[in-house]
Amino acid sequence: MVNILYIGDVVGQPGRRALRQKLETVVDRERVDFTIVNIENAAGGFGVTEAIIEELSDLPINAYTSGNHIWDKKDFVDNYDQYPQVIRPANYPAGNPGKGKVVRQTAGGVNVAVLQFMGNVFMPPIDNPFYCADRELAELGGAAKVIIVDIHGEASSEKQAFGRYLDGRVSAVVGTHTHVPTADERILPNGTAYQTDVGMTGAYDSVIGFRPDEALHRFLMNTPRKLEVAKRDIRLSGVLIEVDETTGRAVRIVRVREDVGD
């Protein structure tokens, strides 16, 4: 069996602090073989920088996913192709830097493929993630039995449909982007682990990781307001998935939550 740890959207310095303080504890306690972290919000809530990738480089992280905010920091985007372990949604148009999948090995020599797609509902308009998933899986071929898919999107219905579409073809489909952990983790009928959203790693005394007063101003006044990352009630949030590496089928999925404090 292979134990996969998936950590939800890391929001700003509080999220990075949670990784620093809790990730190795979880990896050791749960005997994790492969760790994936979503870092599209790691730089003040918007994007990631080369310095942050370097800051996290000594942690036991095998691959990174991202999302629509991966393009927010020019210094990283300009050098994106130097970081093949950081993937972006595969359904962005061809010609953009980065790739939508990566295959890396566990210490035990098991190939793990990580793929990411972005939903179309309430999100920037890009290619259909369902058809793009067909394409990316065909290109992957037999390179890996263990396949973890991130669906980055707003609509729970679209994420659930996406999980059903890939059921039996991948080991797990997990959602990111909403920053709110859902309580629907389960194994789908054909052996794919699923959760609509794995939540965020950051400050939970907030509105999706940002100071509540600034978020409220936007909703009440309907005018722009710069959002700042909140700093209280910091938690690491994610999911642990156990996969049979001979079949690629998941046998267990459980939520992970580690409290850091203020």
C-alpha atoms as a PDB file:
ATOM      1  CA  MET A   1       0.000   0.000   0.000  1.00  0.00           C
ATOM      2  CA  VAL A   2       1.040   3.592  -0.675  1.00  0.00           C
ATOM      3  CA  ASN A   3       0.018   6.406   1.673  1.00  0.00           C
ATOM      4  CA  ILE A   4      -0.613   9.721  -0.086  1.00  0.00           C
ATOM      5  CA  LEU A   5      -0.970  12.979   1.866  1.00  0.00           C
ATOM      6  CA  TYR A   6      -2.722  15.838   0.094  1.00  0.00           C
ATOM      7  CA  ILE A   7      -2.501  19.278   1.763  1.00  0.00           C
ATOM      8  CA  GLY A   8      -5.096  21.902   0.833  1.00  0.00           C
ATOM      9  CA  ASP A   9      -4.461  25.471  -0.352  1.00  0.00           C
ATOM     10  CA  VAL A  10      -1.630  27.039   1.675  1.00  0.00           C
ATOM     11  CA  VAL A  11      -2.654  30.649   2.357  1.00  0.00           C
ATOM     12  CA  GLY A  12       0.144  33.133   3.042  1.00  0.00           C
ATOM     13  CA  GLN A  13       2.693  33.069   5.824  1.00  0.00           C
ATOM     14  CA  PRO A  14       0.300  31.437   8.343  1.00  0.00           C
ATOM     15  CA  GLY A  15      -0.184  28.520   5.964  1.00  0.00           C
ATOM     16  CA  ARG A  16       3.549  28.172   5.419  1.00  0.00           C
ATOM     17  CA  ARG A  17       4.030  28.273   9.194  1.00  0.00           C
ATOM     18  CA  ALA A  18       1.545  25.404   9.547  1.00  0.00           C
ATOM     19  CA  LEU A  19       3.509  23.393   7.008  1.00  0.00           C
ATOM     20  CA  ARG A  20       6.743  24.101   8.834  1.00  0.00           C
ATOM     21  CA  GLN A  21       5.349  23.110  12.235  1.00  0.00           C
ATOM     22  CA  LYS A  22       3.059  20.192  11.399  1.00  0.00           C
ATOM     23  CA  LEU A  23       3.883  18.552   8.063  1.00  0.00           C
ATOM     24  CA  GLU A  24       6.741  16.344   9.212  1.00  0.00           C
ATOM     25  CA  THR A  25       4.732  15.271  12.260  1.00  0.00           C
ATOM     26  CA  VAL A  26       1.877  14.051  10.056  1.00  0.00           C
ATOM     27  CA  VAL A  27       4.228  12.404   7.559  1.00  0.00           C
ATOM     28  CA  ASP A  28       5.999  10.467  10.321  1.00  0.00           C
ATOM     29  CA  ARG A  29       2.860   9.550  12.278  1.00  0.00           C
ATOM     30  CA  GLU A  30       0.890   8.365   9.242  1.00  0.00           C
ATOM     31  CA  ARG A  31       3.874   6.778   7.478  1.00  0.00           C
ATOM     32  CA  VAL A  32       3.257   8.916   4.414  1.00  0.00           C
ATOM     33  CA  ASP A  33       5.019   7.818   1.226  1.00  0.00           C
ATOM     34  CA  PHE A  34       4.164  10.789  -0.994  1.00  0.00           C
ATOM     35  CA  THR A  35       3.076  14.341  -0.181  1.00  0.00           C
ATOM     36  CA  ILE A  36       1.296  16.840  -2.450  1.00  0.00           C
ATOM     37  CA  VAL A  37       0.707  20.479  -1.460  1.00  0.00           C
ATOM     38  CA  ASN A  38      -1.410  23.146  -3.163  1.00  0.00           C
ATOM     39  CA  ILE A  39       0.543  26.432  -3.129  1.00  0.00           C
ATOM     40  CA  GLU A  40      -1.369  28.800  -5.403  1.00  0.00           C
ATOM     41  CA  ASN A  41      -2.082  31.136  -2.437  1.00  0.00           C
ATOM     42  CA  ALA A  42       1.249  30.789  -0.636  1.00  0.00           C
ATOM     43  CA  ALA A  43       2.481  34.350  -1.360  1.00  0.00           C
ATOM     44  CA  GLY A  44       0.203  36.617   0.665  1.00  0.00           C
ATOM     45  CA  GLY A  45      -2.822  34.726  -0.629  1.00  0.00           C
ATOM     46  CA  PHE A  46      -2.064  35.286  -4.309  1.00  0.00           C
ATOM     47  CA  GLY A  47       0.410  33.141  -6.228  1.00  0.00           C
ATOM     48  CA  VAL A  48       3.792  31.787  -5.249  1.00  0.00           C
ATOM     49  CA  THR A  49       7.362  33.036  -5.576  1.00  0.00           C
ATOM     50  CA  GLU A  50      10.697  31.388  -6.236  1.00  0.00           C
ATOM     51  CA  ALA A  51      11.761  32.361  -2.706  1.00  0.00           C
ATOM     52  CA  ILE A  52       8.797  30.460  -1.238  1.00  0.00           C
ATOM     53  CA  ILE A  53       9.605  27.345  -3.257  1.00  0.00           C
ATOM     54  CA  GLU A  54      13.121  27.559  -1.850  1.00  0.00           C
ATOM     55  CA  GLU A  55      11.744  28.129   1.666  1.00  0.00           C
ATOM     56  CA  LEU A  56       9.737  24.897   1.439  1.00  0.00           C
ATOM     57  CA  SER A  57      12.423  22.858  -0.305  1.00  0.00           C
ATOM     58  CA  ASP A  58      13.640  21.071   2.843  1.00  0.00           C
ATOM     59  CA  LEU A  59      10.168  19.776   3.728  1.00  0.00           C
ATOM     60  CA  PRO A  60       9.006  16.281   2.654  1.00  0.00           C
ATOM     61  CA  ILE A  61       6.951  17.498  -0.316  1.00  0.00           C
ATOM     62  CA  ASN A  62       7.027  15.513  -3.572  1.00  0.00           C
ATOM     63  CA  ALA A  63       4.785  17.631  -5.799  1.00  0.00           C
ATOM     64  CA  TYR A  64       2.861  20.891  -5.803  1.00  0.00           C
ATOM     65  CA  THR A  65      -0.471  21.781  -7.370  1.00  0.00           C
ATOM     66  CA  SER A  66      -1.732  25.307  -7.954  1.00  0.00           C
ATOM     67  CA  GLY A  67      -4.756  26.900  -9.662  1.00  0.00           C
ATOM     68  CA  ASN A  68      -5.938  30.150 -11.204  1.00  0.00           C
ATOM     69  CA  HIS A  69      -3.700  32.253  -8.914  1.00  0.00           C
ATOM     70  CA  ILE A  70      -0.488  30.583 -10.104  1.00  0.00           C
ATOM     71  CA  TRP A  71      -0.067  33.435 -12.604  1.00  0.00           C
ATOM     72  CA  ASP A  72      -0.141  36.221  -9.983  1.00  0.00           C
ATOM     73  CA  LYS A  73       3.615  36.557  -9.348  1.00  0.00           C
ATOM     74  CA  LYS A  74       5.567  37.456 -12.476  1.00  0.00           C
ATOM     75  CA  ASP A  75       8.967  36.451 -11.097  1.00  0.00           C
ATOM     76  CA  PHE A  76       7.756  32.866 -10.678  1.00  0.00           C
ATOM     77  CA  VAL A  77       5.827  32.689 -13.954  1.00  0.00           C
ATOM     78  CA  ASP A  78       8.865  33.925 -15.915  1.00  0.00           C
ATOM     79  CA  ASN A  79      10.880  30.994 -14.544  1.00  0.00           C
ATOM     80  CA  TYR A  80       8.062  28.444 -14.226  1.00  0.00           C
ATOM     81  CA  ASP A  81       9.721  25.804 -16.386  1.00  0.00           C
ATOM     82  CA  GLN A  82      12.544  25.511 -13.833  1.00  0.00           C
ATOM     83  CA  TYR A  83      10.027  23.988 -11.403  1.00  0.00           C
ATOM     84  CA  PRO A  84       8.540  20.861 -13.036  1.00  0.00           C
ATOM     85  CA  GLN A  85       7.299  19.667  -9.627  1.00  0.00           C
ATOM     86  CA  VAL A  86       4.834  22.617  -9.588  1.00  0.00           C
ATOM     87  CA  ILE A  87       1.939  21.793 -11.897  1.00  0.00           C
ATOM     88  CA  ARG A  88      -0.935  23.988 -13.046  1.00  0.00           C
ATOM     89  CA  PRO A  89      -4.375  23.066 -14.412  1.00  0.00           C
ATOM     90  CA  ALA A  90      -3.870  21.025 -17.586  1.00  0.00           C
ATOM     91  CA  ASN A  91      -6.823  22.663 -19.327  1.00  0.00           C
ATOM     92  CA  TYR A  92      -5.107  26.043 -19.677  1.00  0.00           C
ATOM     93  CA  PRO A  93      -4.324  26.735 -23.347  1.00  0.00           C
ATOM     94  CA  ALA A  94      -1.173  25.232 -24.846  1.00  0.00           C
ATOM     95  CA  GLY A  95       1.702  27.701 -24.886  1.00  0.00           C
ATOM     96  CA  ASN A  96       1.364  28.705 -21.248  1.00  0.00           C
ATOM     97  CA  PRO A  97       4.358  27.835 -19.072  1.00  0.00           C
ATOM     98  CA  GLY A  98       4.173  24.813 -16.811  1.00  0.00           C
ATOM     99  CA  LYS A  99       2.447  21.472 -17.273  1.00  0.00           C
ATOM    100  CA  GLY A 100      -0.691  19.830 -15.955  1.00  0.00           C
ATOM    101  CA  LYS A 101       0.835  16.610 -14.701  1.00  0.00           C
ATOM    102  CA  VAL A 102       3.967  15.163 -13.178  1.00  0.00           C
ATOM    103  CA  VAL A 103       5.153  11.637 -12.373  1.00  0.00           C
ATOM    104  CA  ARG A 104       7.483  11.164  -9.412  1.00  0.00           C
ATOM    105  CA  GLN A 105       8.620   8.187  -7.369  1.00  0.00           C
ATOM    106  CA  THR A 106       8.180   7.305  -3.737  1.00  0.00           C
ATOM    107  CA  ALA A 107      11.214   6.224  -1.727  1.00  0.00           C
ATOM    108  CA  GLY A 108      10.034   2.664  -2.327  1.00  0.00           C
ATOM    109  CA  GLY A 109      10.139   3.094  -6.102  1.00  0.00           C
ATOM    110  CA  VAL A 110       6.397   3.429  -6.810  1.00  0.00           C
ATOM    111  CA  ASN A 111       5.498   5.885  -9.561  1.00  0.00           C
ATOM    112  CA  VAL A 112       2.831   8.410  -8.563  1.00  0.00           C
ATOM    113  CA  ALA A 113       1.190  10.643 -11.160  1.00  0.00           C
ATOM    114  CA  VAL A 114      -0.299  13.968 -10.070  1.00  0.00           C
ATOM    115  CA  LEU A 115      -2.683  15.773 -12.431  1.00  0.00           C
ATOM    116  CA  GLN A 116      -4.664  18.983 -12.061  1.00  0.00           C
ATOM    117  CA  PHE A 117      -7.674  20.437 -13.847  1.00  0.00           C
ATOM    118  CA  MET A 118      -9.727  23.576 -13.269  1.00  0.00           C
ATOM    119  CA  GLY A 119     -13.502  23.704 -13.318  1.00  0.00           C
ATOM    120  CA  ASN A 120     -15.464  25.871 -15.746  1.00  0.00           C
ATOM    121  CA  VAL A 121     -18.379  26.869 -13.474  1.00  0.00           C
ATOM    122  CA  PHE A 122     -17.855  30.347 -11.910  1.00  0.00           C
ATOM    123  CA  MET A 123     -14.190  30.192 -12.992  1.00  0.00           C
ATOM    124  CA  PRO A 124     -12.161  31.823 -15.793  1.00  0.00           C
ATOM    125  CA  PRO A 125     -13.224  30.245 -19.115  1.00  0.00           C
ATOM    126  CA  ILE A 126     -10.718  27.619 -20.263  1.00  0.00           C
ATOM    127  CA  ASP A 127     -10.953  24.189 -21.914  1.00  0.00           C
ATOM    128  CA  ASN A 128     -13.451  21.584 -20.739  1.00  0.00           C
ATOM    129  CA  PRO A 129     -11.792  19.692 -17.859  1.00  0.00           C
ATOM    130  CA  PHE A 130     -13.634  16.426 -18.620  1.00  0.00           C
ATOM    131  CA  TYR A 131     -12.281  16.119 -22.160  1.00  0.00           C
ATOM    132  CA  CYS A 132      -8.869  17.373 -21.071  1.00  0.00           C
ATOM    133  CA  ALA A 133      -8.760  14.634 -18.446  1.00  0.00           C
ATOM    134  CA  ASP A 134      -9.335  12.054 -21.189  1.00  0.00           C
ATOM    135  CA  ARG A 135      -6.428  13.514 -23.130  1.00  0.00           C
ATOM    136  CA  GLU A 136      -4.030  13.719 -20.197  1.00  0.00           C
ATOM    137  CA  LEU A 137      -4.775  10.175 -19.020  1.00  0.00           C
ATOM    138  CA  ALA A 138      -4.251   8.854 -22.553  1.00  0.00           C
ATOM    139  CA  GLU A 139      -0.874  10.633 -22.679  1.00  0.00           C
ATOM    140  CA  LEU A 140       0.030   9.229 -19.265  1.00  0.00           C
ATOM    141  CA  GLY A 141      -0.501   5.686 -20.505  1.00  0.00           C
ATOM    142  CA  GLY A 142       1.022   3.123 -18.170  1.00  0.00           C
ATOM    143  CA  ALA A 143       3.553   5.464 -16.565  1.00  0.00           C
ATOM    144  CA  ALA A 144       1.852   5.139 -13.159  1.00  0.00           C
ATOM    145  CA  LYS A 145      -0.828   3.035 -11.495  1.00  0.00           C
ATOM    146  CA  VAL A 146      -1.238   5.480  -8.618  1.00  0.00           C
ATOM    147  CA  ILE A 147      -2.895   8.612 -10.050  1.00  0.00           C
ATOM    148  CA  ILE A 148      -3.989  11.571  -7.907  1.00  0.00           C
ATOM    149  CA  VAL A 149      -6.152  14.277  -9.497  1.00  0.00           C
ATOM    150  CA  ASP A 150      -6.823  17.788  -8.178  1.00  0.00           C
ATOM    151  CA  ILE A 151     -10.023  19.444  -9.451  1.00  0.00           C
ATOM    152  CA  HIS A 152      -9.675  23.162  -8.716  1.00  0.00           C
ATOM    153  CA  GLY A 153     -13.109  24.753  -8.814  1.00  0.00           C
ATOM    154  CA  GLU A 154     -15.992  26.623  -7.214  1.00  0.00           C
ATOM    155  CA  ALA A 155     -19.007  24.414  -7.897  1.00  0.00           C
ATOM    156  CA  SER A 156     -19.480  21.313  -5.752  1.00  0.00           C
ATOM    157  CA  SER A 157     -21.727  19.793  -8.414  1.00  0.00           C
ATOM    158  CA  GLU A 158     -19.022  20.072 -11.069  1.00  0.00           C
ATOM    159  CA  LYS A 159     -16.415  18.567  -8.743  1.00  0.00           C
ATOM    160  CA  GLN A 160     -18.712  15.662  -7.852  1.00  0.00           C
ATOM    161  CA  ALA A 161     -19.485  15.016 -11.513  1.00  0.00           C
ATOM    162  CA  PHE A 162     -15.777  15.103 -12.295  1.00  0.00           C
ATOM    163  CA  GLY A 163     -15.105  12.520  -9.579  1.00  0.00           C
ATOM    164  CA  ARG A 164     -17.771  10.241 -11.047  1.00  0.00           C
ATOM    165  CA  TYR A 165     -16.373  10.729 -14.543  1.00  0.00           C
ATOM    166  CA  LEU A 166     -12.931   9.538 -13.452  1.00  0.00           C
ATOM    167  CA  ASP A 167     -14.125   6.845 -11.024  1.00  0.00           C
ATOM    168  CA  GLY A 168     -12.161   3.673 -11.696  1.00  0.00           C
ATOM    169  CA  ARG A 169      -9.635   5.420 -13.925  1.00  0.00           C
ATOM    170  CA  VAL A 170      -7.647   7.216 -11.208  1.00  0.00           C
ATOM    171  CA  SER A 171      -6.794   6.553  -7.570  1.00  0.00           C
ATOM    172  CA  ALA A 172      -8.234   9.778  -6.149  1.00  0.00           C
ATOM    173  CA  VAL A 173     -10.028  12.975  -7.117  1.00  0.00           C
ATOM    174  CA  VAL A 174      -9.763  15.757  -4.536  1.00  0.00           C
ATOM    175  CA  GLY A 175     -11.063  19.305  -4.751  1.00  0.00           C
ATOM    176  CA  THR A 176      -9.332  22.589  -3.966  1.00  0.00           C
ATOM    177  CA  HIS A 177     -10.052  26.328  -4.333  1.00  0.00           C
ATOM    178  CA  THR A 178     -12.991  27.004  -1.984  1.00  0.00           C
ATOM    179  CA  HIS A 179     -10.779  26.765   1.143  1.00  0.00           C
ATOM    180  CA  VAL A 180     -13.653  25.120   3.061  1.00  0.00           C
ATOM    181  CA  PRO A 181     -13.127  21.440   3.976  1.00  0.00           C
ATOM    182  CA  THR A 182     -16.077  19.214   3.109  1.00  0.00           C
ATOM    183  CA  ALA A 183     -17.293  16.171   5.048  1.00  0.00           C
ATOM    184  CA  ASP A 184     -17.947  13.910   2.050  1.00  0.00           C
ATOM    185  CA  GLU A 185     -14.745  11.888   1.807  1.00  0.00           C
ATOM    186  CA  ARG A 186     -15.496   8.404   0.469  1.00  0.00           C
ATOM    187  CA  ILE A 187     -14.502   5.660  -1.943  1.00  0.00           C
ATOM    188  CA  LEU A 188     -16.583   5.827  -5.121  1.00  0.00           C
ATOM    189  CA  PRO A 189     -18.122   2.608  -6.544  1.00  0.00           C
ATOM    190  CA  ASN A 190     -15.216   1.789  -8.861  1.00  0.00           C
ATOM    191  CA  GLY A 191     -12.414   2.405  -6.364  1.00  0.00           C
ATOM    192  CA  THR A 192     -11.557   6.109  -6.644  1.00  0.00           C
ATOM    193  CA  ALA A 193     -11.181   8.097  -3.412  1.00  0.00           C
ATOM    194  CA  TYR A 194     -13.050  11.399  -3.448  1.00  0.00           C
ATOM    195  CA  GLN A 195     -13.521  14.598  -1.432  1.00  0.00           C
ATOM    196  CA  THR A 196     -15.162  17.755  -2.786  1.00  0.00           C
ATOM    197  CA  ASP A 197     -12.695  20.095  -1.066  1.00  0.00           C
ATOM    198  CA  VAL A 198      -9.764  19.305   1.211  1.00  0.00           C
ATOM    199  CA  GLY A 199      -9.878  22.765   2.807  1.00  0.00           C
ATOM    200  CA  MET A 200      -7.084  25.257   3.319  1.00  0.00           C
ATOM    201  CA  THR A 201      -3.925  25.405   5.364  1.00  0.00           C
ATOM    202  CA  GLY A 202      -3.932  28.813   6.999  1.00  0.00           C
ATOM    203  CA  ALA A 203      -5.875  31.026   9.408  1.00  0.00           C
ATOM    204  CA  TYR A 204      -9.450  29.840  10.033  1.00  0.00           C
ATOM    205  CA  ASP A 205     -10.525  32.944  12.010  1.00  0.00           C
ATOM    206  CA  SER A 206     -11.104  34.514   8.617  1.00  0.00           C
ATOM    207  CA  VAL A 207     -13.087  34.548   5.416  1.00  0.00           C
ATOM    208  CA  ILE A 208     -11.334  31.847   3.359  1.00  0.00           C
ATOM    209  CA  GLY A 209      -7.997  32.857   4.870  1.00  0.00           C
ATOM    210  CA  PHE A 210      -8.356  36.647   4.696  1.00  0.00           C
ATOM    211  CA  ARG A 211      -9.243  39.252   7.343  1.00  0.00           C
ATOM    212  CA  PRO A 212     -13.049  39.255   7.811  1.00  0.00           C
ATOM    213  CA  ASP A 213     -13.384  43.047   7.973  1.00  0.00           C
ATOM    214  CA  GLU A 214     -11.885  43.501   4.528  1.00  0.00           C
ATOM    215  CA  ALA A 215     -13.969  40.708   3.024  1.00  0.00           C
ATOM    216  CA  LEU A 216     -17.123  42.234   4.560  1.00  0.00           C
ATOM    217  CA  HIS A 217     -16.283  45.623   3.080  1.00  0.00           C
ATOM    218  CA  ARG A 218     -16.283  44.074  -0.381  1.00  0.00           C
ATOM    219  CA  PHE A 219     -19.689  42.464   0.133  1.00  0.00           C
ATOM    220  CA  LEU A 220     -21.306  45.462   1.828  1.00  0.00           C
ATOM    221  CA  MET A 221     -19.907  48.277  -0.300  1.00  0.00           C
ATOM    222  CA  ASN A 222     -19.456  46.517  -3.662  1.00  0.00           C
ATOM    223  CA  THR A 223     -16.159  48.336  -4.146  1.00  0.00           C
ATOM    224  CA  PRO A 224     -12.601  46.954  -4.374  1.00  0.00           C
ATOM    225  CA  ARG A 225     -10.647  46.410  -1.201  1.00  0.00           C
ATOM    226  CA  LYS A 226      -7.199  44.887  -0.849  1.00  0.00           C
ATOM    227  CA  LEU A 227      -7.381  41.625   1.045  1.00  0.00           C
ATOM    228  CA  GLU A 228      -4.827  40.798   3.724  1.00  0.00           C
ATOM    229  CA  VAL A 229      -4.129  37.342   5.070  1.00  0.00           C
ATOM    230  CA  ALA A 230      -5.634  36.620   8.507  1.00  0.00           C
ATOM    231  CA  LYS A 231      -3.369  35.387  11.297  1.00  0.00           C
ATOM    232  CA  ARG A 232      -5.438  33.599  13.964  1.00  0.00           C
ATOM    233  CA  ASP A 233      -6.583  29.990  14.469  1.00  0.00           C
ATOM    234  CA  ILE A 234      -4.023  28.468  12.133  1.00  0.00           C
ATOM    235  CA  ARG A 235      -4.632  24.909  10.931  1.00  0.00           C
ATOM    236  CA  LEU A 236      -3.154  22.446   8.518  1.00  0.00           C
ATOM    237  CA  SER A 237      -5.903  20.750   6.510  1.00  0.00           C
ATOM    238  CA  GLY A 238      -5.765  17.902   4.060  1.00  0.00           C
ATOM    239  CA  VAL A 239      -6.598  14.304   3.358  1.00  0.00           C
ATOM    240  CA  LEU A 240      -4.804  10.971   3.674  1.00  0.00           C
ATOM    241  CA  ILE A 241      -5.385   8.419   0.917  1.00  0.00           C
ATOM    242  CA  GLU A 242      -4.269   4.788   1.015  1.00  0.00           C
ATOM    243  CA  VAL A 243      -3.840   3.216  -2.421  1.00  0.00           C
ATOM    244  CA  ASP A 244      -3.103  -0.334  -3.558  1.00  0.00           C
ATOM    245  CA  GLU A 245      -0.157   0.262  -5.872  1.00  0.00           C
ATOM    246  CA  THR A 246      -0.792  -2.956  -7.829  1.00  0.00           C
ATOM    247  CA  THR A 247      -4.323  -1.972  -8.877  1.00  0.00           C
ATOM    248  CA  GLY A 248      -4.307   1.803  -8.436  1.00  0.00           C
ATOM    249  CA  ARG A 249      -7.511   1.562  -6.414  1.00  0.00           C
ATOM    250  CA  ALA A 250      -7.967   3.485  -3.167  1.00  0.00           C
ATOM    251  CA  VAL A 251      -8.806   1.515  -0.039  1.00  0.00           C
ATOM    252  CA  ARG A 252      -9.102   4.370   2.486  1.00  0.00           C
ATOM    253  CA  ILE A 253      -9.527   8.136   2.651  1.00  0.00           C
ATOM    254  CA  VAL A 254      -9.593  10.170   5.860  1.00  0.00           C
ATOM    255  CA  ARG A 255      -9.521  13.881   6.609  1.00  0.00           C
ATOM    256  CA  VAL A 256      -6.417  15.356   8.267  1.00  0.00           C
ATOM    257  CA  ARG A 257      -6.505  18.400  10.535  1.00  0.00           C
ATOM    258  CA  GLU A 258      -3.672  19.720  12.688  1.00  0.00           C
ATOM    259  CA  ASP A 259      -4.156  22.791  14.894  1.00  0.00           C
ATOM    260  CA  VAL A 260      -1.261  25.241  15.128  1.00  0.00           C
ATOM    261  CA  GLY A 261      -2.952  28.002  17.165  1.00  0.00           C
ATOM    262  CA  ASP A 262      -2.496  31.781  16.866  1.00  0.00           C
END
